[in-house]
Structures are given as C-alpha cells and as structure tokens.
C-alpha cells in the first residue's frame, strides 16, 4: 500500500479538497408537459418516454 513520505501542507490539502464538490442534477424539459425530468427517464408527471405512454399516472 502506498504511504506518503512527507506530510501534505495545509494549502495543498485545501486546494485539493476545493475541487471535490457535488454537481447539480441536470434536468431536461418533458416534450409533452414541459415539466423538468431526468434525461433518459420516463416523466413522472405525465408518464411518457420517447413520445409514447409508458407509465400510468
């Protein structure tokens, strides 16, 4: 297992951690009802996917 030879400085640690952040969930507008939905997933409001009804809501 790799072990660091020297202690990492506080500025190096903080600059590395500054780039480790969560990204916002990307949404697209549903072509039928225009509500936001996850891409490549059925709409939870109207139940359509790829122009056809796949869920009963």
Protein backbone atom coordinates (compact mmCIF):
# COMPACT_ATOMS: atom_id res chain seq x y z
CA UNK A 1 0.00 0.00 0.00
CA UNK A 2 1.30 3.45 -0.89
CA UNK A 3 2.21 5.63 2.07
CA UNK A 4 3.04 9.36 1.76
CA UNK A 5 6.66 10.11 2.51
CA UNK A 6 6.00 13.64 3.76
CA UNK A 7 3.14 15.47 5.44
CA UNK A 8 0.98 17.29 2.94
CA UNK A 9 0.84 21.03 3.59
CA UNK A 10 -2.39 22.71 4.62
CA UNK A 11 -2.62 24.71 1.40
CA UNK A 12 -2.14 21.61 -0.78
CA UNK A 13 -4.78 19.74 1.19
CA UNK A 14 -7.29 22.58 0.97
CA UNK A 15 -6.70 23.24 -2.72
CA UNK A 16 -7.24 19.55 -3.46
CA UNK A 17 -10.45 19.48 -1.42
CA UNK A 18 -11.72 22.66 -3.11
CA UNK A 19 -12.21 20.75 -6.37
CA UNK A 20 -14.10 17.86 -4.74
CA UNK A 21 -17.69 19.08 -4.90
CA UNK A 22 -21.10 17.78 -5.84
CA UNK A 23 -22.64 18.75 -9.16
CA UNK A 24 -26.24 19.80 -9.60
CA UNK A 25 -28.61 17.26 -11.13
CA UNK A 26 -29.17 18.03 -14.80
CA UNK A 27 -32.78 18.09 -15.93
CA UNK A 28 -34.47 18.45 -19.30
CA UNK A 29 -37.98 19.64 -20.13
CA UNK A 30 -40.52 16.94 -20.91
CA UNK A 31 -41.70 17.36 -24.53
CA UNK A 32 -45.31 16.58 -23.56
CA UNK A 33 -45.97 18.50 -20.34
CA UNK A 34 -42.82 20.71 -20.20
CA UNK A 35 -42.08 19.75 -16.57
CA UNK A 36 -38.43 19.11 -15.58
CA UNK A 37 -37.39 15.45 -15.67
CA UNK A 38 -34.21 13.41 -15.60
CA UNK A 39 -32.69 12.74 -19.02
CA UNK A 40 -33.21 9.22 -20.46
CA UNK A 41 -36.02 8.53 -17.97
CA UNK A 42 -39.81 8.48 -18.09
CA UNK A 43 -41.59 11.64 -16.98
CA UNK A 44 -43.07 11.24 -13.50
CA UNK A 45 -45.82 13.80 -14.17
CA UNK A 46 -47.34 12.58 -17.45
CA UNK A 47 -45.70 9.13 -17.71
CA UNK A 48 -44.35 9.42 -21.25
CA UNK A 49 -40.99 8.40 -22.63
CA UNK A 50 -39.76 8.80 -26.21
CA UNK A 51 -43.16 10.06 -27.36
CA UNK A 52 -45.26 7.17 -26.02
CA UNK A 53 -47.12 6.42 -22.79
CA UNK A 54 -45.14 4.02 -20.58
CA UNK A 55 -46.45 4.77 -17.06
CA UNK A 56 -49.98 5.09 -15.78
CA UNK A 57 -50.29 8.26 -13.68
